[in-house]
Amino acid sequence: MSLTVPELGALMLVLFAVFYFLGIFAKTRAVFAFLGAVAIGTGGALGHLLTRIATALADAGGALTAWLFGGAIAGVLFIVAAVIFIHDMHPKKGATRRTGWIALLLGASLAAAAVTIPALAPVASGVDALLANVTTFLNTL
């Protein structure tokens, strides 16, 4: 059997759902949600749905900041979600039930290129390379 990156992403999202249902491994399930969302990208019904949600939230954040401050910041919701995610993943802070959903939003935003922050382009390609290396390793077992 040969595992592909989207299949690995689907497996990670299934494990996220199982761990969420059981209420265990909060930080692990958040990592699985993030990596799974990046791995499936825009493929399949779930990837398409996550892409639409991430794009809609990025557009809403841009419209909100344009209304409030007079200038649109399309990545403001991504930045807020990233701050929450990093805060929850800190060793002195325990991850909560929201952490996995925030991670899913971050991964979908990154995969869908919904955030127009140029500094995030290497992050997305780095995560893709990491997942490709993991699948290569798993296929050698």
Protein backbone atom coordinates (compact mmCIF):
# COMPACT_ATOMS: atom_id res chain seq x y z
CA MET A 1 0.00 0.00 0.00
CA SER A 2 1.26 3.43 -0.90
CA LEU A 3 0.12 6.44 1.11
CA THR A 4 -0.23 9.87 -0.51
CA VAL A 5 -0.18 13.28 1.16
CA PRO A 6 -3.97 13.84 0.83
CA GLU A 7 -4.59 10.37 2.27
CA LEU A 8 -2.30 11.17 5.19
CA GLY A 9 -4.21 14.42 5.68
CA ALA A 10 -7.52 12.56 5.70
CA LEU A 11 -6.11 10.12 8.25
CA MET A 12 -4.98 13.02 10.45
CA LEU A 13 -8.43 14.63 10.25
CA VAL A 14 -10.08 11.32 11.19
CA LEU A 15 -7.74 11.01 14.18
CA PHE A 16 -8.55 14.62 15.10
CA ALA A 17 -12.26 13.72 15.10
CA VAL A 18 -11.73 10.55 17.16
CA PHE A 19 -9.52 12.30 19.73
CA TYR A 20 -11.98 15.20 19.90
CA PHE A 21 -14.88 12.79 20.49
CA LEU A 22 -12.94 10.99 23.22
CA GLY A 23 -11.68 14.25 24.74
CA ILE A 24 -8.04 13.15 24.79
CA PHE A 25 -4.71 14.42 23.44
CA ALA A 26 -5.76 18.06 23.01
CA LYS A 27 -2.44 19.32 21.67
CA THR A 28 -1.91 16.30 19.44
CA ARG A 29 -5.35 16.62 17.91
CA ALA A 30 -4.69 20.33 17.25
CA VAL A 31 -1.50 19.45 15.37
CA PHE A 32 -3.38 16.75 13.45
CA ALA A 33 -6.11 19.25 12.54
CA PHE A 34 -3.58 21.79 11.26
CA LEU A 35 -1.49 19.33 9.28
CA GLY A 36 -4.56 17.48 7.99
CA ALA A 37 -6.15 20.68 6.70
CA VAL A 38 -2.94 21.69 4.93
CA ALA A 39 -2.50 18.19 3.51
CA ILE A 40 -5.94 17.86 1.95
CA GLY A 41 -5.71 21.41 0.65
CA THR A 42 -8.64 22.22 -1.58
CA GLY A 43 -9.36 18.65 -2.67
CA GLY A 44 -12.56 16.79 -1.95
CA ALA A 45 -15.77 18.04 -0.43
CA LEU A 46 -14.18 18.77 2.95
CA GLY A 47 -11.27 20.67 1.41
CA HIS A 48 -13.68 22.69 -0.72
CA LEU A 49 -15.81 23.50 2.34
CA LEU A 50 -12.78 24.50 4.43
CA THR A 51 -11.52 26.68 1.57
CA ARG A 52 -14.83 28.49 1.29
CA ILE A 53 -14.98 29.08 5.05
CA ALA A 54 -11.38 30.33 5.21
CA THR A 55 -11.90 32.64 2.22
CA ALA A 56 -15.17 33.99 3.61
CA LEU A 57 -13.58 34.71 6.99
CA ALA A 58 -10.60 36.44 5.34
CA ASP A 59 -12.99 38.60 3.29
CA ALA A 60 -15.08 39.39 6.37
CA GLY A 61 -11.95 40.36 8.32
CA GLY A 62 -10.88 42.66 5.50
CA ALA A 63 -14.31 44.27 5.32
CA LEU A 64 -14.46 44.70 9.09
CA THR A 65 -11.05 46.34 9.35
CA ALA A 66 -11.83 48.55 6.35
CA TRP A 67 -14.99 49.71 8.11
CA LEU A 68 -13.28 50.22 11.48
CA PHE A 69 -9.92 51.65 10.48
CA GLY A 70 -10.33 52.77 6.89
CA GLY A 71 -7.88 50.17 5.58
CA ALA A 72 -8.54 46.52 4.82
CA ILE A 73 -6.36 43.95 6.57
CA ALA A 74 -7.39 40.67 4.93
CA GLY A 75 -5.27 38.53 7.26
CA VAL A 76 -6.51 39.97 10.56
CA LEU A 77 -8.63 36.93 11.49
CA PHE A 78 -5.75 34.63 10.56
CA ILE A 79 -3.41 36.64 12.77
CA VAL A 80 -5.85 36.52 15.69
CA ALA A 81 -6.36 32.78 15.21
CA ALA A 82 -2.59 32.24 15.04
CA VAL A 83 -2.11 34.14 18.31
CA ILE A 84 -4.80 32.02 20.00
CA PHE A 85 -3.27 28.82 18.59
CA ILE A 86 0.25 29.71 19.75
CA HIS A 87 -1.08 30.71 23.17
CA ASP A 88 -2.96 27.43 23.56
CA MET A 89 0.01 25.34 22.40
CA HIS A 90 2.41 26.97 24.89
CA PRO A 91 3.81 24.41 27.36
CA LYS A 92 2.50 26.35 30.38
CA LYS A 93 -1.00 26.57 28.89
CA GLY A 94 -3.19 23.60 28.22
CA ALA A 95 -4.94 23.23 24.89
CA THR A 96 -8.71 23.43 25.04
CA ARG A 97 -11.47 22.14 22.79
CA ARG A 98 -11.25 25.31 20.69
CA THR A 99 -7.58 24.75 19.85
CA GLY A 100 -8.32 22.03 17.29
CA TRP A 101 -10.91 24.17 15.53
CA ILE A 102 -8.54 27.13 15.46
CA ALA A 103 -5.85 24.84 14.02
CA LEU A 104 -8.28 23.61 11.38
CA LEU A 105 -9.02 27.21 10.40
CA LEU A 106 -5.31 28.05 10.25
CA GLY A 107 -4.52 25.04 8.09
CA ALA A 108 -7.41 25.71 5.74
CA SER A 109 -6.44 29.38 5.42
CA LEU A 110 -2.86 28.44 4.66
CA ALA A 111 -3.79 25.76 2.13
CA ALA A 112 -6.36 27.93 0.36
CA ALA A 113 -4.04 30.95 0.24
CA ALA A 114 -6.87 32.92 1.82
CA VAL A 115 -4.35 34.99 3.72
CA THR A 116 -2.39 37.37 1.55
CA ILE A 117 0.65 37.65 3.80
CA PRO A 118 3.77 37.06 1.68
CA ALA A 119 5.78 35.82 4.66
CA LEU A 120 3.46 32.79 4.96
CA ALA A 121 4.32 31.36 1.54
CA PRO A 122 7.42 29.54 2.84
CA VAL A 123 5.38 28.16 5.76
CA ALA A 124 2.84 26.52 3.44
CA SER A 125 5.53 25.02 1.21
CA GLY A 126 7.51 23.90 4.27
CA VAL A 127 4.49 22.08 5.70
CA ASP A 128 3.86 20.47 2.32
CA ALA A 129 7.49 19.30 2.18
CA LEU A 130 7.25 17.95 5.73
CA LEU A 131 4.13 15.96 4.88
CA ALA A 132 5.72 14.62 1.69
CA ASN A 133 8.73 13.43 3.71
CA VAL A 134 6.45 11.80 6.30
CA THR A 135 4.55 9.91 3.60
CA THR A 136 7.82 8.82 2.00
CA PHE A 137 9.00 7.51 5.37
CA LEU A 138 5.71 5.73 6.04
CA ASN A 139 5.77 4.12 2.60
CA THR A 140 9.19 2.63 3.31
CA LEU A 141 7.92 0.79 6.39
